[in-house]
Amino acid sequence: MNDMYSLVREAQGNPAMLEELISIFEPKVKNLMKRVHPNDRQDLSQELRILFLKAAINYDIDSIPGIWEIKKRAE
């Protein structure tokens, strides 16, 4: 269960999995914070984590379109 789809699906039913999702994105958040003023880093990184958790919880995993649906939308 290493792919993002499986992790998000599991996290929607098991809040403990949200920690694993956060740990996956933690290096990216830390890298982004290098570009932010030191006084704002802690607040912004916390806000990013909150937004990420909300997105993971509220994402409708069953509405992911298939390849033919994407092709049809593109036409």
PDB file of N, CA and C in Angstrom:
ATOM      1  N   MET A   1       0.844  -1.174   0.000  1.00  0.00           N
ATOM      2  CA  MET A   1       0.000   0.000   0.000  1.00  0.00           C
ATOM      3  C   MET A   1       0.897   1.249   0.000  1.00  0.00           C
ATOM      4  N   ASN A   2       1.688   1.422  -1.034  1.00  0.00           N
ATOM      5  CA  ASN A   2       2.608   2.547  -1.075  1.00  0.00           C
ATOM      6  C   ASN A   2       2.168   3.663  -2.006  1.00  0.00           C
ATOM      7  N   ASP A   3       1.157   3.417  -2.839  1.00  0.00           N
ATOM      8  CA  ASP A   3       0.763   4.467  -3.764  1.00  0.00           C
ATOM      9  C   ASP A   3      -0.156   5.465  -3.080  1.00  0.00           C
ATOM     10  N   MET A   4      -0.187   6.676  -3.613  1.00  0.00           N
ATOM     11  CA  MET A   4      -0.938   7.769  -2.987  1.00  0.00           C
ATOM     12  C   MET A   4      -2.432   7.457  -2.917  1.00  0.00           C
ATOM     13  N   TYR A   5      -2.975   6.853  -3.957  1.00  0.00           N
ATOM     14  CA  TYR A   5      -4.399   6.491  -3.985  1.00  0.00           C
ATOM     15  C   TYR A   5      -4.751   5.634  -2.774  1.00  0.00           C
ATOM     16  N   SER A   6      -3.970   4.594  -2.547  1.00  0.00           N
ATOM     17  CA  SER A   6      -4.238   3.681  -1.429  1.00  0.00           C
ATOM     18  C   SER A   6      -4.077   4.371  -0.076  1.00  0.00           C
ATOM     19  N   LEU A   7      -3.057   5.208   0.027  1.00  0.00           N
ATOM     20  CA  LEU A   7      -2.831   5.902   1.294  1.00  0.00           C
ATOM     21  C   LEU A   7      -3.967   6.865   1.628  1.00  0.00           C
ATOM     22  N   VAL A   8      -4.440   7.613   0.629  1.00  0.00           N
ATOM     23  CA  VAL A   8      -5.539   8.556   0.871  1.00  0.00           C
ATOM     24  C   VAL A   8      -6.809   7.792   1.208  1.00  0.00           C
ATOM     25  N   ARG A   9      -7.074   6.709   0.485  1.00  0.00           N
ATOM     26  CA  ARG A   9      -8.270   5.910   0.761  1.00  0.00           C
ATOM     27  C   ARG A   9      -8.234   5.364   2.185  1.00  0.00           C
ATOM     28  N   GLU A  10      -7.082   4.865   2.586  1.00  0.00           N
ATOM     29  CA  GLU A  10      -6.929   4.315   3.943  1.00  0.00           C
ATOM     30  C   GLU A  10      -7.059   5.424   4.995  1.00  0.00           C
ATOM     31  N   ALA A  11      -6.494   6.586   4.720  1.00  0.00           N
ATOM     32  CA  ALA A  11      -6.531   7.701   5.680  1.00  0.00           C
ATOM     33  C   ALA A  11      -7.948   8.217   5.880  1.00  0.00           C
ATOM     34  N   GLN A  12      -8.788   8.113   4.865  1.00  0.00           N
ATOM     35  CA  GLN A  12     -10.164   8.573   5.019  1.00  0.00           C
ATOM     36  C   GLN A  12     -10.937   7.704   5.996  1.00  0.00           C
ATOM     37  N   GLY A  13     -10.535   6.463   6.156  1.00  0.00           N
ATOM     38  CA  GLY A  13     -11.203   5.579   7.098  1.00  0.00           C
ATOM     39  C   GLY A  13     -10.434   5.384   8.388  1.00  0.00           C
ATOM     40  N   ASN A  14      -9.175   5.796   8.392  1.00  0.00           N
ATOM     41  CA  ASN A  14      -8.314   5.562   9.542  1.00  0.00           C
ATOM     42  C   ASN A  14      -7.462   6.815   9.793  1.00  0.00           C
ATOM     43  N   PRO A  15      -7.874   7.665  10.713  1.00  0.00           N
ATOM     44  CA  PRO A  15      -7.144   8.910  10.961  1.00  0.00           C
ATOM     45  C   PRO A  15      -5.668   8.722  11.304  1.00  0.00           C
ATOM     46  N   ALA A  16      -5.289   7.574  11.828  1.00  0.00           N
ATOM     47  CA  ALA A  16      -3.879   7.337  12.146  1.00  0.00           C
ATOM     48  C   ALA A  16      -3.018   7.337  10.886  1.00  0.00           C
ATOM     49  N   MET A  17      -3.603   7.001   9.759  1.00  0.00           N
ATOM     50  CA  MET A  17      -2.869   6.991   8.488  1.00  0.00           C
ATOM     51  C   MET A  17      -2.532   8.400   8.016  1.00  0.00           C
ATOM     52  N   LEU A  18      -3.241   9.393   8.535  1.00  0.00           N
ATOM     53  CA  LEU A  18      -2.951  10.769   8.142  1.00  0.00           C
ATOM     54  C   LEU A  18      -1.520  11.145   8.524  1.00  0.00           C
ATOM     55  N   GLU A  19      -1.030  10.604   9.614  1.00  0.00           N
ATOM     56  CA  GLU A  19       0.348  10.869  10.025  1.00  0.00           C
ATOM     57  C   GLU A  19       1.332  10.363   8.980  1.00  0.00           C
ATOM     58  N   GLU A  20       1.032   9.205   8.414  1.00  0.00           N
ATOM     59  CA  GLU A  20       1.916   8.665   7.377  1.00  0.00           C
ATOM     60  C   GLU A  20       1.896   9.558   6.136  1.00  0.00           C
ATOM     61  N   LEU A  21       0.726  10.059   5.775  1.00  0.00           N
ATOM     62  CA  LEU A  21       0.636  10.975   4.637  1.00  0.00           C
ATOM     63  C   LEU A  21       1.449  12.241   4.895  1.00  0.00           C
ATOM     64  N   ILE A  22       1.342  12.778   6.095  1.00  0.00           N
ATOM     65  CA  ILE A  22       2.104  13.981   6.432  1.00  0.00           C
ATOM     66  C   ILE A  22       3.604  13.698   6.355  1.00  0.00           C
ATOM     67  N   SER A  23       4.017  12.550   6.832  1.00  0.00           N
ATOM     68  CA  SER A  23       5.449  12.228   6.805  1.00  0.00           C
ATOM     69  C   SER A  23       5.974  12.106   5.380  1.00  0.00           C
ATOM     70  N   ILE A  24       5.130  11.695   4.462  1.00  0.00           N
ATOM     71  CA  ILE A  24       5.545  11.600   3.059  1.00  0.00           C
ATOM     72  C   ILE A  24       5.812  12.991   2.484  1.00  0.00           C
ATOM     73  N   PHE A  25       4.980  13.958   2.840  1.00  0.00           N
ATOM     74  CA  PHE A  25       5.116  15.305   2.293  1.00  0.00           C
ATOM     75  C   PHE A  25       5.990  16.223   3.146  1.00  0.00           C
ATOM     76  N   GLU A  26       6.418  15.764   4.285  1.00  0.00           N
ATOM     77  CA  GLU A  26       7.228  16.592   5.182  1.00  0.00           C
ATOM     78  C   GLU A  26       8.512  17.108   4.519  1.00  0.00           C
ATOM     79  N   PRO A  27       9.268  16.289   3.788  1.00  0.00           N
ATOM     80  CA  PRO A  27      10.477  16.825   3.136  1.00  0.00           C
ATOM     81  C   PRO A  27      10.166  17.959   2.154  1.00  0.00           C
ATOM     82  N   LYS A  28       9.064  17.865   1.443  1.00  0.00           N
ATOM     83  CA  LYS A  28       8.685  18.921   0.510  1.00  0.00           C
ATOM     84  C   LYS A  28       8.328  20.199   1.265  1.00  0.00           C
ATOM     85  N   VAL A  29       7.600  20.067   2.360  1.00  0.00           N
ATOM     86  CA  VAL A  29       7.230  21.234   3.170  1.00  0.00           C
ATOM     87  C   VAL A  29       8.496  21.903   3.710  1.00  0.00           C
ATOM     88  N   LYS A  30       9.424  21.117   4.224  1.00  0.00           N
ATOM     89  CA  LYS A  30      10.670  21.676   4.757  1.00  0.00           C
ATOM     90  C   LYS A  30      11.460  22.395   3.673  1.00  0.00           C
ATOM     91  N   ASN A  31      11.479  21.816   2.479  1.00  0.00           N
ATOM     92  CA  ASN A  31      12.186  22.441   1.367  1.00  0.00           C
ATOM     93  C   ASN A  31      11.533  23.772   0.985  1.00  0.00           C
ATOM     94  N   LEU A  32      10.215  23.795   0.954  1.00  0.00           N
ATOM     95  CA  LEU A  32       9.504  25.032   0.628  1.00  0.00           C
ATOM     96  C   LEU A  32       9.722  26.106   1.681  1.00  0.00           C
ATOM     97  N   MET A  33       9.842  25.699   2.923  1.00  0.00           N
ATOM     98  CA  MET A  33      10.006  26.669   4.005  1.00  0.00           C
ATOM     99  C   MET A  33      11.346  27.395   3.945  1.00  0.00           C
ATOM    100  N   LYS A  34      12.305  26.862   3.210  1.00  0.00           N
ATOM    101  CA  LYS A  34      13.590  27.535   3.048  1.00  0.00           C
ATOM    102  C   LYS A  34      13.431  28.842   2.284  1.00  0.00           C
ATOM    103  N   ARG A  35      12.346  28.954   1.518  1.00  0.00           N
ATOM    104  CA  ARG A  35      12.100  30.146   0.713  1.00  0.00           C
ATOM    105  C   ARG A  35      11.282  31.205   1.456  1.00  0.00           C
ATOM    106  N   VAL A  36      10.837  30.868   2.646  1.00  0.00           N
ATOM    107  CA  VAL A  36       9.952  31.744   3.420  1.00  0.00           C
ATOM    108  C   VAL A  36      10.763  32.463   4.499  1.00  0.00           C
ATOM    109  N   HIS A  37      10.351  33.659   4.811  1.00  0.00           N
ATOM    110  CA  HIS A  37      11.007  34.425   5.876  1.00  0.00           C
ATOM    111  C   HIS A  37      10.974  33.607   7.172  1.00  0.00           C
ATOM    112  N   PRO A  38      12.085  33.564   7.904  1.00  0.00           N
ATOM    113  CA  PRO A  38      12.158  32.750   9.124  1.00  0.00           C
ATOM    114  C   PRO A  38      11.036  33.011  10.129  1.00  0.00           C
ATOM    115  N   ASN A  39      10.547  34.233  10.204  1.00  0.00           N
ATOM    116  CA  ASN A  39       9.472  34.541  11.151  1.00  0.00           C
ATOM    117  C   ASN A  39       8.148  33.889  10.774  1.00  0.00           C
ATOM    118  N   ASP A  40       7.992  33.532   9.512  1.00  0.00           N
ATOM    119  CA  ASP A  40       6.728  32.983   9.032  1.00  0.00           C
ATOM    120  C   ASP A  40       6.745  31.472   8.823  1.00  0.00           C
ATOM    121  N   ARG A  41       7.886  30.853   8.949  1.00  0.00           N
ATOM    122  CA  ARG A  41       8.028  29.430   8.611  1.00  0.00           C
ATOM    123  C   ARG A  41       7.122  28.510   9.422  1.00  0.00           C
ATOM    124  N   GLN A  42       7.119  28.674  10.727  1.00  0.00           N
ATOM    125  CA  GLN A  42       6.348  27.766  11.571  1.00  0.00           C
ATOM    126  C   GLN A  42       4.848  27.874  11.280  1.00  0.00           C
ATOM    127  N   ASP A  43       4.348  29.092  11.190  1.00  0.00           N
ATOM    128  CA  ASP A  43       2.920  29.289  10.921  1.00  0.00           C
ATOM    129  C   ASP A  43       2.528  28.740   9.555  1.00  0.00           C
ATOM    130  N   LEU A  44       3.339  29.057   8.553  1.00  0.00           N
ATOM    131  CA  LEU A  44       3.016  28.619   7.197  1.00  0.00           C
ATOM    132  C   LEU A  44       3.094  27.098   7.065  1.00  0.00           C
ATOM    133  N   SER A  45       4.095  26.483   7.668  1.00  0.00           N
ATOM    134  CA  SER A  45       4.199  25.022   7.576  1.00  0.00           C
ATOM    135  C   SER A  45       3.016  24.352   8.282  1.00  0.00           C
ATOM    136  N   GLN A  46       2.563  24.929   9.377  1.00  0.00           N
ATOM    137  CA  GLN A  46       1.389  24.388  10.064  1.00  0.00           C
ATOM    138  C   GLN A  46       0.138  24.540   9.194  1.00  0.00           C
ATOM    139  N   GLU A  47      -0.013  25.695   8.559  1.00  0.00           N
ATOM    140  CA  GLU A  47      -1.161  25.912   7.675  1.00  0.00           C
ATOM    141  C   GLU A  47      -1.141  24.955   6.493  1.00  0.00           C
ATOM    142  N   LEU A  48       0.039  24.687   5.941  1.00  0.00           N
ATOM    143  CA  LEU A  48       0.147  23.728   4.840  1.00  0.00           C
ATOM    144  C   LEU A  48      -0.288  22.329   5.269  1.00  0.00           C
ATOM    145  N   ARG A  49       0.123  21.941   6.452  1.00  0.00           N
ATOM    146  CA  ARG A  49      -0.275  20.617   6.959  1.00  0.00           C
ATOM    147  C   ARG A  49      -1.789  20.533   7.159  1.00  0.00           C
ATOM    148  N   ILE A  50      -2.372  21.595   7.692  1.00  0.00           N
ATOM    149  CA  ILE A  50      -3.822  21.612   7.904  1.00  0.00           C
ATOM    150  C   ILE A  50      -4.555  21.521   6.571  1.00  0.00           C
ATOM    151  N   LEU A  51      -4.118  22.312   5.598  1.00  0.00           N
ATOM    152  CA  LEU A  51      -4.757  22.267   4.271  1.00  0.00           C
ATOM    153  C   LEU A  51      -4.604  20.890   3.624  1.00  0.00           C
ATOM    154  N   PHE A  52      -3.427  20.294   3.787  1.00  0.00           N
ATOM    155  CA  PHE A  52      -3.202  18.967   3.224  1.00  0.00           C
ATOM    156  C   PHE A  52      -4.118  17.932   3.868  1.00  0.00           C
ATOM    157  N   LEU A  53      -4.249  17.990   5.186  1.00  0.00           N
ATOM    158  CA  LEU A  53      -5.128  17.051   5.881  1.00  0.00           C
ATOM    159  C   LEU A  53      -6.578  17.226   5.443  1.00  0.00           C
ATOM    160  N   LYS A  54      -7.031  18.466   5.329  1.00  0.00           N
ATOM    161  CA  LYS A  54      -8.399  18.708   4.877  1.00  0.00           C
ATOM    162  C   LYS A  54      -8.610  18.166   3.468  1.00  0.00           C
ATOM    163  N   ALA A  55      -7.632  18.396   2.592  1.00  0.00           N
ATOM    164  CA  ALA A  55      -7.749  17.917   1.218  1.00  0.00           C
ATOM    165  C   ALA A  55      -7.797  16.386   1.179  1.00  0.00           C
ATOM    166  N   ALA A  56      -6.959  15.737   1.961  1.00  0.00           N
ATOM    167  CA  ALA A  56      -6.933  14.267   1.978  1.00  0.00           C
ATOM    168  C   ALA A  56      -8.235  13.695   2.521  1.00  0.00           C
ATOM    169  N   ILE A  57      -8.787  14.322   3.548  1.00  0.00           N
ATOM    170  CA  ILE A  57     -10.016  13.820   4.162  1.00  0.00           C
ATOM    171  C   ILE A  57     -11.227  14.057   3.254  1.00  0.00           C
ATOM    172  N   ASN A  58     -11.269  15.217   2.619  1.00  0.00           N
ATOM    173  CA  ASN A  58     -12.450  15.583   1.827  1.00  0.00           C
ATOM    174  C   ASN A  58     -12.399  15.145   0.369  1.00  0.00           C
ATOM    175  N   TYR A  59     -11.261  14.655  -0.084  1.00  0.00           N
ATOM    176  CA  TYR A  59     -11.125  14.282  -1.490  1.00  0.00           C
ATOM    177  C   TYR A  59     -12.028  13.093  -1.814  1.00  0.00           C
ATOM    178  N   ASP A  60     -12.786  13.224  -2.891  1.00  0.00           N
ATOM    179  CA  ASP A  60     -13.674  12.132  -3.321  1.00  0.00           C
ATOM    180  C   ASP A  60     -12.870  11.171  -4.191  1.00  0.00           C
ATOM    181  N   ILE A  61     -12.342  10.159  -3.546  1.00  0.00           N
ATOM    182  CA  ILE A  61     -11.434   9.216  -4.208  1.00  0.00           C
ATOM    183  C   ILE A  61     -12.131   8.425  -5.318  1.00  0.00           C
ATOM    184  N   ASP A  62     -13.454   8.308  -5.226  1.00  0.00           N
ATOM    185  CA  ASP A  62     -14.195   7.539  -6.224  1.00  0.00           C
ATOM    186  C   ASP A  62     -14.529   8.350  -7.469  1.00  0.00           C
ATOM    187  N   SER A  63     -14.215   9.639  -7.459  1.00  0.00           N
ATOM    188  CA  SER A  63     -14.539  10.462  -8.622  1.00  0.00           C
ATOM    189  C   SER A  63     -13.357  10.649  -9.563  1.00  0.00           C
ATOM    190  N   ILE A  64     -12.310   9.874  -9.394  1.00  0.00           N
ATOM    191  CA  ILE A  64     -11.154   9.975 -10.279  1.00  0.00           C
ATOM    192  C   ILE A  64     -11.566   9.458 -11.660  1.00  0.00           C
ATOM    193  N   PRO A  65     -11.422  10.294 -12.683  1.00  0.00           N
ATOM    194  CA  PRO A  65     -11.858   9.876 -14.013  1.00  0.00           C
ATOM    195  C   PRO A  65     -10.913   8.849 -14.636  1.00  0.00           C
ATOM    196  N   GLY A  66     -11.475   7.998 -15.453  1.00  0.00           N
ATOM    197  CA  GLY A  66     -10.686   7.030 -16.196  1.00  0.00           C
ATOM    198  C   GLY A  66     -10.087   7.689 -17.432  1.00  0.00           C
ATOM    199  N   ILE A  67      -9.258   6.965 -18.126  1.00  0.00           N
ATOM    200  CA  ILE A  67      -8.565   7.508 -19.299  1.00  0.00           C
ATOM    201  C   ILE A  67      -9.547   7.937 -20.387  1.00  0.00           C
ATOM    202  N   TRP A  68     -10.619   7.165 -20.600  1.00  0.00           N
ATOM    203  CA  TRP A  68     -11.574   7.506 -21.647  1.00  0.00           C
ATOM    204  C   TRP A  68     -12.387   8.739 -21.280  1.00  0.00           C
ATOM    205  N   GLU A  69     -12.647   8.901 -20.007  1.00  0.00           N
ATOM    206  CA  GLU A  69     -13.352  10.108 -19.536  1.00  0.00           C
ATOM    207  C   GLU A  69     -12.496  11.348 -19.750  1.00  0.00           C
ATOM    208  N   ILE A  70     -11.209  11.220 -19.457  1.00  0.00           N
ATOM    209  CA  ILE A  70     -10.292  12.348 -19.660  1.00  0.00           C
ATOM    210  C   ILE A  70     -10.198  12.690 -21.140  1.00  0.00           C
ATOM    211  N   LYS A  71     -10.131  11.669 -21.972  1.00  0.00           N
ATOM    212  CA  LYS A  71     -10.056  11.890 -23.423  1.00  0.00           C
ATOM    213  C   LYS A  71     -11.313  12.594 -23.915  1.00  0.00           C
ATOM    214  N   LYS A  72     -12.451  12.150 -23.433  1.00  0.00           N
ATOM    215  CA  LYS A  72     -13.711  12.745 -23.858  1.00  0.00           C
ATOM    216  C   LYS A  72     -13.793  14.213 -23.435  1.00  0.00           C
ATOM    217  N   ARG A  73     -13.333  14.532 -22.238  1.00  0.00           N
ATOM    218  CA  ARG A  73     -13.343  15.920 -21.755  1.00  0.00           C
ATOM    219  C   ARG A  73     -12.419  16.805 -22.574  1.00  0.00           C
ATOM    220  N   ALA A  74     -11.334  16.232 -23.073  1.00  0.00           N
ATOM    221  CA  ALA A  74     -10.338  16.990 -23.826  1.00  0.00           C
ATOM    222  C   ALA A  74     -10.827  17.344 -25.226  1.00  0.00           C
ATOM    223  N   GLU A  75     -11.779  16.585 -25.715  1.00  0.00           N
ATOM    224  CA  GLU A  75     -12.268  16.821 -27.097  1.00  0.00           C
ATOM    225  C   GLU A  75     -13.199  17.984 -27.205  1.00  0.00           C
TER     226      GLU A  75
END
